[in-house]
PDB file of all heavy atoms in Angstrom:
ATOM      1  N   ALA A   1     114.657 -59.526   6.958  1.00  0.00           N
ATOM      2  CA  ALA A   1     114.744 -61.023   6.545  1.00  0.00           C
ATOM      3  C   ALA A   1     113.456 -61.516   6.459  1.00  0.00           C
ATOM      4  O   ALA A   1     113.286 -62.610   5.917  1.00  0.00           O
ATOM      5  CB  ALA A   1     115.683 -61.785   7.428  1.00  0.00           C
ATOM      6  N   CYS A   2     112.425 -60.835   6.886  1.00  0.00           N
ATOM      7  CA  CYS A   2     111.003 -61.513   6.967  1.00  0.00           C
ATOM      8  C   CYS A   2     110.496 -61.831   5.476  1.00  0.00           C
ATOM      9  O   CYS A   2     110.463 -61.049   4.647  1.00  0.00           O
ATOM     10  CB  CYS A   2     110.031 -60.645   7.817  1.00  0.00           C
ATOM     11  SG  CYS A   2     108.380 -61.374   7.806  1.00  0.00           S
ATOM     12  N   GLN A   3     110.065 -63.030   5.368  1.00  0.00           N
ATOM     13  CA  GLN A   3     109.580 -63.475   4.032  1.00  0.00           C
ATOM     14  C   GLN A   3     108.053 -63.085   4.023  1.00  0.00           C
ATOM     15  O   GLN A   3     107.207 -64.047   4.442  1.00  0.00           O
ATOM     16  CB  GLN A   3     109.757 -64.938   3.780  1.00  0.00           C
ATOM     17  CG  GLN A   3     111.333 -65.217   3.820  1.00  0.00           C
ATOM     18  CD  GLN A   3     111.541 -66.709   3.601  1.00  0.00           C
ATOM     19  OE1 GLN A   3     111.036 -67.357   2.543  1.00  0.00           O
ATOM     20  NE2 GLN A   3     112.304 -67.360   4.490  1.00  0.00           N
ATOM     21  N   ILE A   4     107.657 -61.918   3.934  1.00  0.00           N
ATOM     22  CA  ILE A   4     106.367 -61.503   4.171  1.00  0.00           C
ATOM     23  C   ILE A   4     105.260 -62.043   3.298  1.00  0.00           C
ATOM     24  O   ILE A   4     104.169 -62.155   3.542  1.00  0.00           O
ATOM     25  CB  ILE A   4     106.183 -59.934   4.315  1.00  0.00           C
ATOM     26  CG1 ILE A   4     106.635 -59.277   2.914  1.00  0.00           C
ATOM     27  CG2 ILE A   4     107.027 -59.394   5.347  1.00  0.00           C
ATOM     28  CD1 ILE A   4     106.487 -57.918   2.843  1.00  0.00           C
ATOM     29  N   HIS A   5     105.740 -62.444   2.013  1.00  0.00           N
ATOM     30  CA  HIS A   5     104.795 -62.881   1.009  1.00  0.00           C
ATOM     31  C   HIS A   5     104.710 -64.410   1.044  1.00  0.00           C
ATOM     32  O   HIS A   5     103.993 -65.021   0.247  1.00  0.00           O
ATOM     33  CB  HIS A   5     105.141 -62.368  -0.426  1.00  0.00           C
ATOM     34  CG  HIS A   5     105.116 -60.926  -0.418  1.00  0.00           C
ATOM     35  ND1 HIS A   5     103.830 -60.336  -0.337  1.00  0.00           N
ATOM     36  CD2 HIS A   5     105.996 -59.962  -0.663  1.00  0.00           C
ATOM     37  CE1 HIS A   5     103.910 -58.969  -0.542  1.00  0.00           C
ATOM     38  NE2 HIS A   5     105.264 -58.778  -0.614  1.00  0.00           N
ATOM     39  N   ARG A   6     105.610 -65.126   1.833  1.00  0.00           N
ATOM     40  CA  ARG A   6     105.512 -66.486   1.774  1.00  0.00           C
ATOM     41  C   ARG A   6     104.385 -66.936   2.591  1.00  0.00           C
ATOM     42  O   ARG A   6     104.293 -66.588   3.830  1.00  0.00           O
ATOM     43  CB  ARG A   6     106.874 -67.079   2.485  1.00  0.00           C
ATOM     44  CG  ARG A   6     106.895 -68.583   2.658  1.00  0.00           C
ATOM     45  CD  ARG A   6     108.070 -69.030   3.366  1.00  0.00           C
ATOM     46  NE  ARG A   6     108.063 -70.331   3.916  1.00  0.00           N
ATOM     47  CZ  ARG A   6     108.993 -70.880   4.691  1.00  0.00           C
ATOM     48  NH1 ARG A   6     109.936 -70.138   5.194  1.00  0.00           N
ATOM     49  NH2 ARG A   6     108.766 -72.100   5.035  1.00  0.00           N
ATOM     50  N   PRO A   7     103.525 -67.889   2.191  1.00  0.00           N
ATOM     51  CA  PRO A   7     102.490 -68.356   2.958  1.00  0.00           C
ATOM     52  C   PRO A   7     102.875 -69.084   4.243  1.00  0.00           C
ATOM     53  O   PRO A   7     103.892 -69.781   4.382  1.00  0.00           O
ATOM     54  CB  PRO A   7     101.721 -69.275   2.094  1.00  0.00           C
ATOM     55  CG  PRO A   7     102.063 -68.999   0.726  1.00  0.00           C
ATOM     56  CD  PRO A   7     103.556 -68.480   0.969  1.00  0.00           C
ATOM     57  N   ALA A   8     102.290 -68.764   5.433  1.00  0.00           N
ATOM     58  CA  ALA A   8     102.569 -69.510   6.637  1.00  0.00           C
ATOM     59  C   ALA A   8     102.134 -70.835   6.505  1.00  0.00           C
ATOM     60  O   ALA A   8     101.307 -71.157   5.790  1.00  0.00           O
ATOM     61  CB  ALA A   8     101.737 -68.749   7.731  1.00  0.00           C
ATOM     62  N   ASP A   9     102.703 -71.656   7.387  1.00  0.00           N
ATOM     63  CA  ASP A   9     102.417 -73.258   7.356  1.00  0.00           C
ATOM     64  C   ASP A   9     100.892 -73.400   7.908  1.00  0.00           C
ATOM     65  O   ASP A   9     100.721 -73.306   9.063  1.00  0.00           O
ATOM     66  CB  ASP A   9     103.396 -73.921   8.126  1.00  0.00           C
ATOM     67  CG  ASP A   9     103.262 -75.495   8.129  1.00  0.00           C
ATOM     68  OD1 ASP A   9     102.490 -75.889   7.344  1.00  0.00           O
ATOM     69  OD2 ASP A   9     103.931 -76.075   8.945  1.00  0.00           O
ATOM     70  N   THR A  10     100.087 -73.525   6.948  1.00  0.00           N
ATOM     71  CA  THR A  10      98.584 -73.740   7.460  1.00  0.00           C
ATOM     72  C   THR A  10      98.030 -75.012   7.039  1.00  0.00           C
ATOM     73  O   THR A  10      96.856 -75.173   6.904  1.00  0.00           O
ATOM     74  CB  THR A  10      97.814 -72.535   6.790  1.00  0.00           C
ATOM     75  OG1 THR A  10      97.994 -72.714   5.323  1.00  0.00           O
ATOM     76  CG2 THR A  10      98.262 -71.315   7.354  1.00  0.00           C
ATOM     77  N   ALA A  11      98.812 -76.162   6.916  1.00  0.00           N
ATOM     78  CA  ALA A  11      98.329 -77.422   6.691  1.00  0.00           C
ATOM     79  C   ALA A  11      97.386 -77.745   7.838  1.00  0.00           C
ATOM     80  O   ALA A  11      97.781 -78.006   8.972  1.00  0.00           O
ATOM     81  CB  ALA A  11      99.386 -78.494   6.535  1.00  0.00           C
ATOM     82  N   LEU A  12      96.112 -78.074   7.433  1.00  0.00           N
ATOM     83  CA  LEU A  12      95.063 -78.281   8.405  1.00  0.00           C
ATOM     84  C   LEU A  12      94.548 -79.689   8.263  1.00  0.00           C
ATOM     85  O   LEU A  12      94.326 -80.217   7.187  1.00  0.00           O
ATOM     86  CB  LEU A  12      93.924 -77.255   8.412  1.00  0.00           C
ATOM     87  CG  LEU A  12      94.436 -75.811   8.537  1.00  0.00           C
ATOM     88  CD1 LEU A  12      93.113 -74.996   8.356  1.00  0.00           C
ATOM     89  CD2 LEU A  12      95.126 -75.534   9.757  1.00  0.00           C
ATOM     90  N   GLU A  13      94.219 -80.378   9.356  1.00  0.00           N
ATOM     91  CA  GLU A  13      93.615 -81.732   9.284  1.00  0.00           C
ATOM     92  C   GLU A  13      92.090 -81.666   9.289  1.00  0.00           C
ATOM     93  O   GLU A  13      91.530 -80.886   9.883  1.00  0.00           O
ATOM     94  CB  GLU A  13      94.029 -82.568  10.579  1.00  0.00           C
ATOM     95  CG  GLU A  13      95.637 -82.701  10.746  1.00  0.00           C
ATOM     96  CD  GLU A  13      96.000 -83.263  12.000  1.00  0.00           C
ATOM     97  OE1 GLU A  13      94.949 -83.705  12.716  1.00  0.00           O
ATOM     98  OE2 GLU A  13      97.050 -83.321  12.348  1.00  0.00           O
ATOM     99  N   PRO A  14      91.497 -82.539   8.498  1.00  0.00           N
ATOM    100  CA  PRO A  14      90.064 -82.722   8.516  1.00  0.00           C
ATOM    101  C   PRO A  14      89.532 -83.178   9.862  1.00  0.00           C
ATOM    102  O   PRO A  14      90.331 -83.771  10.639  1.00  0.00           O
ATOM    103  CB  PRO A  14      89.839 -83.864   7.368  1.00  0.00           C
ATOM    104  CG  PRO A  14      91.046 -83.935   6.620  1.00  0.00           C
ATOM    105  CD  PRO A  14      92.133 -83.561   7.558  1.00  0.00           C
ATOM    106  N   ILE A  15      88.337 -82.723  10.125  1.00  0.00           N
ATOM    107  CA  ILE A  15      87.755 -83.128  11.411  1.00  0.00           C
ATOM    108  C   ILE A  15      86.877 -84.243  11.205  1.00  0.00           C
ATOM    109  O   ILE A  15      85.955 -84.086  10.312  1.00  0.00           O
ATOM    110  CB  ILE A  15      86.880 -81.933  12.070  1.00  0.00           C
ATOM    111  CG1 ILE A  15      88.036 -80.808  12.427  1.00  0.00           C
ATOM    112  CG2 ILE A  15      86.173 -82.330  13.291  1.00  0.00           C
ATOM    113  CD1 ILE A  15      87.378 -79.633  12.946  1.00  0.00           C
ATOM    114  N   ILE A  16      86.923 -85.294  12.038  1.00  0.00           N
ATOM    115  CA  ILE A  16      86.083 -86.466  11.872  1.00  0.00           C
ATOM    116  C   ILE A  16      84.878 -86.236  12.827  1.00  0.00           C
ATOM    117  O   ILE A  16      85.009 -85.964  14.108  1.00  0.00           O
ATOM    118  CB  ILE A  16      86.690 -87.719  12.371  1.00  0.00           C
ATOM    119  CG1 ILE A  16      87.899 -88.062  11.418  1.00  0.00           C
ATOM    120  CG2 ILE A  16      85.796 -88.938  12.260  1.00  0.00           C
ATOM    121  CD1 ILE A  16      88.794 -89.169  11.858  1.00  0.00           C
ATOM    122  N   ALA A  17      83.572 -86.019  12.220  1.00  0.00           N
ATOM    123  CA  ALA A  17      82.506 -85.690  12.996  1.00  0.00           C
ATOM    124  C   ALA A  17      82.098 -86.921  13.872  1.00  0.00           C
ATOM    125  O   ALA A  17      82.067 -88.014  13.454  1.00  0.00           O
ATOM    126  CB  ALA A  17      81.352 -85.358  12.035  1.00  0.00           C
ATOM    127  N   PRO A  18      81.804 -86.578  15.073  1.00  0.00           N
ATOM    128  CA  PRO A  18      81.445 -87.701  16.013  1.00  0.00           C
ATOM    129  C   PRO A  18      80.133 -88.266  15.761  1.00  0.00           C
ATOM    130  O   PRO A  18      79.147 -87.613  15.203  1.00  0.00           O
ATOM    131  CB  PRO A  18      81.355 -86.961  17.402  1.00  0.00           C
ATOM    132  CG  PRO A  18      81.003 -85.601  17.063  1.00  0.00           C
ATOM    133  CD  PRO A  18      81.714 -85.176  15.770  1.00  0.00           C
ATOM    134  N   LYS A  19      79.869 -89.547  15.933  1.00  0.00           N
ATOM    135  CA  LYS A  19      78.545 -90.206  15.642  1.00  0.00           C
ATOM    136  C   LYS A  19      77.491 -89.694  16.630  1.00  0.00           C
ATOM    137  O   LYS A  19      77.883 -89.506  17.861  1.00  0.00           O
ATOM    138  CB  LYS A  19      78.775 -91.663  15.681  1.00  0.00           C
ATOM    139  CG  LYS A  19      79.530 -92.292  14.574  1.00  0.00           C
ATOM    140  CD  LYS A  19      79.816 -93.698  14.599  1.00  0.00           C
ATOM    141  CE  LYS A  19      80.638 -94.325  13.536  1.00  0.00           C
ATOM    142  NZ  LYS A  19      80.794 -95.766  13.608  1.00  0.00           N
ATOM    143  N   PRO A  20      76.309 -89.530  16.266  1.00  0.00           N
ATOM    144  CA  PRO A  20      75.257 -89.163  17.148  1.00  0.00           C
ATOM    145  C   PRO A  20      75.066 -90.161  18.232  1.00  0.00           C
ATOM    146  O   PRO A  20      75.034 -91.415  17.943  1.00  0.00           O
ATOM    147  CB  PRO A  20      73.946 -89.044  16.379  1.00  0.00           C
ATOM    148  CG  PRO A  20      74.309 -89.359  14.885  1.00  0.00           C
ATOM    149  CD  PRO A  20      75.727 -89.752  14.985  1.00  0.00           C
ATOM    150  N   GLY A  21      74.915 -89.727  19.400  1.00  0.00           N
ATOM    151  CA  GLY A  21      74.623 -90.617  20.669  1.00  0.00           C
ATOM    152  C   GLY A  21      73.348 -90.374  21.265  1.00  0.00           C
ATOM    153  O   GLY A  21      72.333 -89.854  20.704  1.00  0.00           O
ATOM    154  N   ALA A  22      73.267 -90.801  22.589  1.00  0.00           N
ATOM    155  CA  ALA A  22      72.022 -90.630  23.364  1.00  0.00           C
ATOM    156  C   ALA A  22      71.768 -89.154  23.552  1.00  0.00           C
ATOM    157  O   ALA A  22      72.644 -88.327  23.565  1.00  0.00           O
ATOM    158  CB  ALA A  22      72.227 -91.405  24.657  1.00  0.00           C
ATOM    159  N   VAL A  23      70.545 -88.798  23.703  1.00  0.00           N
ATOM    160  CA  VAL A  23      70.126 -87.425  24.029  1.00  0.00           C
ATOM    161  C   VAL A  23      70.627 -86.992  25.286  1.00  0.00           C
ATOM    162  O   VAL A  23      70.443 -87.585  26.261  1.00  0.00           O
ATOM    163  CB  VAL A  23      68.574 -87.331  23.872  1.00  0.00           C
ATOM    164  CG1 VAL A  23      68.049 -85.845  24.347  1.00  0.00           C
ATOM    165  CG2 VAL A  23      68.064 -87.642  22.518  1.00  0.00           C
ATOM    166  N   VAL A  24      71.212 -85.829  25.306  1.00  0.00           N
ATOM    167  CA  VAL A  24      71.825 -85.306  26.583  1.00  0.00           C
ATOM    168  C   VAL A  24      70.865 -84.370  27.201  1.00  0.00           C
ATOM    169  O   VAL A  24      70.649 -84.285  28.435  1.00  0.00           O
ATOM    170  CB  VAL A  24      73.112 -84.682  26.374  1.00  0.00           C
ATOM    171  CG1 VAL A  24      73.733 -84.031  27.605  1.00  0.00           C
ATOM    172  CG2 VAL A  24      74.192 -85.585  25.830  1.00  0.00           C
ATOM    173  N   LEU A  25      70.319 -83.439  26.426  1.00  0.00           N
ATOM    174  CA  LEU A  25      69.351 -82.491  26.983  1.00  0.00           C
ATOM    175  C   LEU A  25      68.132 -82.301  25.971  1.00  0.00           C
ATOM    176  O   LEU A  25      68.404 -82.241  24.747  1.00  0.00           O
ATOM    177  CB  LEU A  25      70.169 -81.114  27.059  1.00  0.00           C
ATOM    178  CG  LEU A  25      69.184 -79.946  27.505  1.00  0.00           C
ATOM    179  CD1 LEU A  25      68.829 -80.001  28.969  1.00  0.00           C
ATOM    180  CD2 LEU A  25      70.074 -78.599  27.238  1.00  0.00           C
ATOM    181  N   GLU A  26      66.977 -82.196  26.593  1.00  0.00           N
ATOM    182  CA  GLU A  26      65.817 -82.054  25.737  1.00  0.00           C
ATOM    183  C   GLU A  26      64.924 -81.036  26.311  1.00  0.00           C
ATOM    184  O   GLU A  26      64.639 -81.039  27.545  1.00  0.00           O
ATOM    185  CB  GLU A  26      64.884 -83.238  25.629  1.00  0.00           C
ATOM    186  CG  GLU A  26      63.801 -83.193  24.674  1.00  0.00           C
ATOM    187  CD  GLU A  26      63.099 -84.598  24.512  1.00  0.00           C
ATOM    188  OE1 GLU A  26      63.636 -85.580  24.815  1.00  0.00           O
ATOM    189  OE2 GLU A  26      61.972 -84.613  23.999  1.00  0.00           O
ATOM    190  N   VAL A  27      64.509 -79.967  25.554  1.00  0.00           N
ATOM    191  CA  VAL A  27      63.733 -78.756  26.029  1.00  0.00           C
ATOM    192  C   VAL A  27      62.422 -78.835  25.359  1.00  0.00           C
ATOM    193  O   VAL A  27      62.405 -79.099  24.105  1.00  0.00           O
ATOM    194  CB  VAL A  27      64.309 -77.528  25.633  1.00  0.00           C
ATOM    195  CG1 VAL A  27      63.531 -76.263  26.263  1.00  0.00           C
ATOM    196  CG2 VAL A  27      65.740 -77.439  26.425  1.00  0.00           C
ATOM    197  N   SER A  28      61.363 -78.821  26.069  1.00  0.00           N
ATOM    198  CA  SER A  28      60.023 -78.805  25.362  1.00  0.00           C
ATOM    199  C   SER A  28      59.024 -77.734  26.040  1.00  0.00           C
ATOM    200  O   SER A  28      58.898 -77.716  27.314  1.00  0.00           O
ATOM    201  CB  SER A  28      59.327 -80.284  25.765  1.00  0.00           C
ATOM    202  OG  SER A  28      58.102 -80.260  25.210  1.00  0.00           O
ATOM    203  N   LYS A  29      58.566 -76.923  25.197  1.00  0.00           N
ATOM    204  CA  LYS A  29      57.601 -75.918  25.537  1.00  0.00           C
ATOM    205  C   LYS A  29      58.023 -74.959  26.624  1.00  0.00           C
ATOM    206  O   LYS A  29      57.313 -74.618  27.480  1.00  0.00           O
ATOM    207  CB  LYS A  29      56.245 -76.501  25.938  1.00  0.00           C
ATOM    208  CG  LYS A  29      55.512 -77.392  24.765  1.00  0.00           C
ATOM    209  CD  LYS A  29      54.258 -77.895  25.095  1.00  0.00           C
ATOM    210  CE  LYS A  29      53.758 -78.607  23.926  1.00  0.00           C
ATOM    211  NZ  LYS A  29      52.317 -79.225  24.284  1.00  0.00           N
ATOM    212  N   ALA A  30      59.347 -74.779  26.698  1.00  0.00           N
ATOM    213  CA  ALA A  30      59.839 -73.842  27.754  1.00  0.00           C
ATOM    214  C   ALA A  30      59.312 -72.267  27.572  1.00  0.00           C
ATOM    215  O   ALA A  30      59.235 -71.834  26.384  1.00  0.00           O
ATOM    216  CB  ALA A  30      61.302 -73.883  27.705  1.00  0.00           C
ATOM    217  N   ALA A  31      59.030 -71.632  28.505  1.00  0.00           N
ATOM    218  CA  ALA A  31      58.563 -70.302  28.379  1.00  0.00           C
ATOM    219  C   ALA A  31      59.032 -69.401  29.740  1.00  0.00           C
ATOM    220  O   ALA A  31      59.251 -70.071  30.789  1.00  0.00           O
ATOM    221  CB  ALA A  31      57.022 -70.272  28.325  1.00  0.00           C
ATOM    222  N   LYS A  32      59.254 -68.192  29.383  1.00  0.00           N
ATOM    223  CA  LYS A  32      59.623 -67.365  30.564  1.00  0.00           C
ATOM    224  C   LYS A  32      59.175 -65.919  30.402  1.00  0.00           C
ATOM    225  O   LYS A  32      59.312 -65.419  29.160  1.00  0.00           O
ATOM    226  CB  LYS A  32      61.218 -67.215  30.661  1.00  0.00           C
ATOM    227  CG  LYS A  32      61.837 -66.368  31.659  1.00  0.00           C
ATOM    228  CD  LYS A  32      61.394 -66.675  33.131  1.00  0.00           C
ATOM    229  CE  LYS A  32      62.008 -65.625  34.053  1.00  0.00           C
ATOM    230  NZ  LYS A  32      61.487 -65.858  35.458  1.00  0.00           N
ATOM    231  N   HIS A  33      58.582 -65.381  31.399  1.00  0.00           N
ATOM    232  CA  HIS A  33      58.114 -63.982  31.248  1.00  0.00           C
ATOM    233  C   HIS A  33      58.326 -63.319  32.591  1.00  0.00           C
ATOM    234  O   HIS A  33      58.622 -64.025  33.534  1.00  0.00           O
ATOM    235  CB  HIS A  33      56.699 -63.831  30.893  1.00  0.00           C
ATOM    236  CG  HIS A  33      55.665 -64.342  32.042  1.00  0.00           C
ATOM    237  ND1 HIS A  33      55.266 -65.705  32.261  1.00  0.00           N
ATOM    238  CD2 HIS A  33      55.143 -63.655  33.141  1.00  0.00           C
ATOM    239  CE1 HIS A  33      54.592 -65.715  33.316  1.00  0.00           C
ATOM    240  NE2 HIS A  33      54.492 -64.575  33.881  1.00  0.00           N
ATOM    241  N   TYR A  34      58.311 -61.901  32.523  1.00  0.00           N
ATOM    242  CA  TYR A  34      58.535 -61.221  33.717  1.00  0.00           C
ATOM    243  C   TYR A  34      57.706 -59.961  33.682  1.00  0.00           C
ATOM    244  O   TYR A  34      57.352 -59.449  32.653  1.00  0.00           O
ATOM    245  CB  TYR A  34      60.094 -60.850  33.985  1.00  0.00           C
ATOM    246  CG  TYR A  34      60.636 -59.981  33.054  1.00  0.00           C
ATOM    247  CD1 TYR A  34      60.746 -58.645  33.225  1.00  0.00           C
ATOM    248  CD2 TYR A  34      61.309 -60.565  31.945  1.00  0.00           C
ATOM    249  CE1 TYR A  34      61.363 -57.804  32.326  1.00  0.00           C
ATOM    250  CE2 TYR A  34      61.962 -59.729  31.035  1.00  0.00           C
ATOM    251  CZ  TYR A  34      62.096 -58.372  31.219  1.00  0.00           C
ATOM    252  OH  TYR A  34      62.748 -57.525  30.251  1.00  0.00           O
ATOM    253  N   GLN A  35      57.404 -59.443  34.973  1.00  0.00           N
ATOM    254  CA  GLN A  35      56.594 -58.216  34.983  1.00  0.00           C
ATOM    255  C   GLN A  35      57.398 -57.072  35.466  1.00  0.00           C
ATOM    256  O   GLN A  35      57.914 -57.045  36.462  1.00  0.00           O
ATOM    257  CB  GLN A  35      55.476 -58.400  36.083  1.00  0.00           C
ATOM    258  CG  GLN A  35      54.423 -57.465  36.228  1.00  0.00           C
ATOM    259  CD  GLN A  35      53.491 -57.266  34.939  1.00  0.00           C
ATOM    260  OE1 GLN A  35      53.050 -58.289  34.579  1.00  0.00           O
ATOM    261  NE2 GLN A  35      53.405 -56.131  34.386  1.00  0.00           N
ATOM    262  N   PRO A  36      57.582 -56.068  34.511  1.00  0.00           N
ATOM    263  CA  PRO A  36      58.320 -54.784  34.935  1.00  0.00           C
ATOM    264  C   PRO A  36      57.571 -54.193  36.169  1.00  0.00           C
ATOM    265  O   PRO A  36      56.385 -54.295  36.398  1.00  0.00           O
ATOM    266  CB  PRO A  36      58.391 -53.891  33.730  1.00  0.00           C
ATOM    267  CG  PRO A  36      57.984 -54.846  32.594  1.00  0.00           C
ATOM    268  CD  PRO A  36      57.160 -55.999  33.173  1.00  0.00           C
ATOM    269  N   PRO A  37      58.490 -53.482  37.043  1.00  0.00           N
ATOM    270  CA  PRO A  37      57.959 -52.918  38.253  1.00  0.00           C
ATOM    271  C   PRO A  37      56.914 -51.690  37.805  1.00  0.00           C
ATOM    272  O   PRO A  37      57.221 -51.137  36.813  1.00  0.00           O
ATOM    273  CB  PRO A  37      59.139 -52.295  38.974  1.00  0.00           C
ATOM    274  CG  PRO A  37      60.148 -52.208  37.906  1.00  0.00           C
ATOM    275  CD  PRO A  37      59.949 -53.314  36.939  1.00  0.00           C
ATOM    276  N   ARG A  38      55.900 -51.581  38.520  1.00  0.00           N
ATOM    277  CA  ARG A  38      54.961 -50.442  38.361  1.00  0.00           C
ATOM    278  C   ARG A  38      55.518 -49.126  38.664  1.00  0.00           C
ATOM    279  O   ARG A  38      56.157 -48.958  39.809  1.00  0.00           O
ATOM    280  CB  ARG A  38      53.680 -50.693  39.171  1.00  0.00           C
ATOM    281  CG  ARG A  38      52.620 -49.612  38.840  1.00  0.00           C
ATOM    282  CD  ARG A  38      51.528 -49.693  39.896  1.00  0.00           C
ATOM    283  NE  ARG A  38      50.825 -50.989  39.880  1.00  0.00           N
ATOM    284  CZ  ARG A  38      49.730 -51.180  39.142  1.00  0.00           C
ATOM    285  NH1 ARG A  38      49.161 -50.101  38.475  1.00  0.00           N
ATOM    286  NH2 ARG A  38      49.114 -52.221  39.250  1.00  0.00           N
ATOM    287  N   PRO A  39      55.583 -48.114  37.836  1.00  0.00           N
ATOM    288  CA  PRO A  39      56.088 -46.901  38.115  1.00  0.00           C
ATOM    289  C   PRO A  39      55.273 -46.226  39.293  1.00  0.00           C
ATOM    290  O   PRO A  39      54.147 -46.575  39.695  1.00  0.00           O
ATOM    291  CB  PRO A  39      55.778 -45.997  36.987  1.00  0.00           C
ATOM    292  CG  PRO A  39      54.842 -46.654  36.148  1.00  0.00           C
ATOM    293  CD  PRO A  39      54.909 -48.133  36.448  1.00  0.00           C
ATOM    294  N   LEU A  40      55.788 -45.195  39.874  1.00  0.00           N
ATOM    295  CA  LEU A  40      55.072 -44.590  41.074  1.00  0.00           C
ATOM    296  C   LEU A  40      53.813 -44.082  40.672  1.00  0.00           C
ATOM    297  O   LEU A  40      52.813 -44.245  41.498  1.00  0.00           O
ATOM    298  CB  LEU A  40      55.986 -43.407  41.622  1.00  0.00           C
ATOM    299  CG  LEU A  40      55.446 -42.770  42.918  1.00  0.00           C
ATOM    300  CD1 LEU A  40      55.466 -43.810  44.088  1.00  0.00           C
ATOM    301  CD2 LEU A  40      56.347 -41.578  43.360  1.00  0.00           C
TER     302      LEU A  40
END
């Protein structure tokens, strides 16, 4: 009985984009390095 060719109900709502607000996180000149262990 499966109506395999009938499209599934996929009516989708538009998304309202939020308005920009205050800065939550700010990264400036971040750097990270590591030194591998010296072999024997």
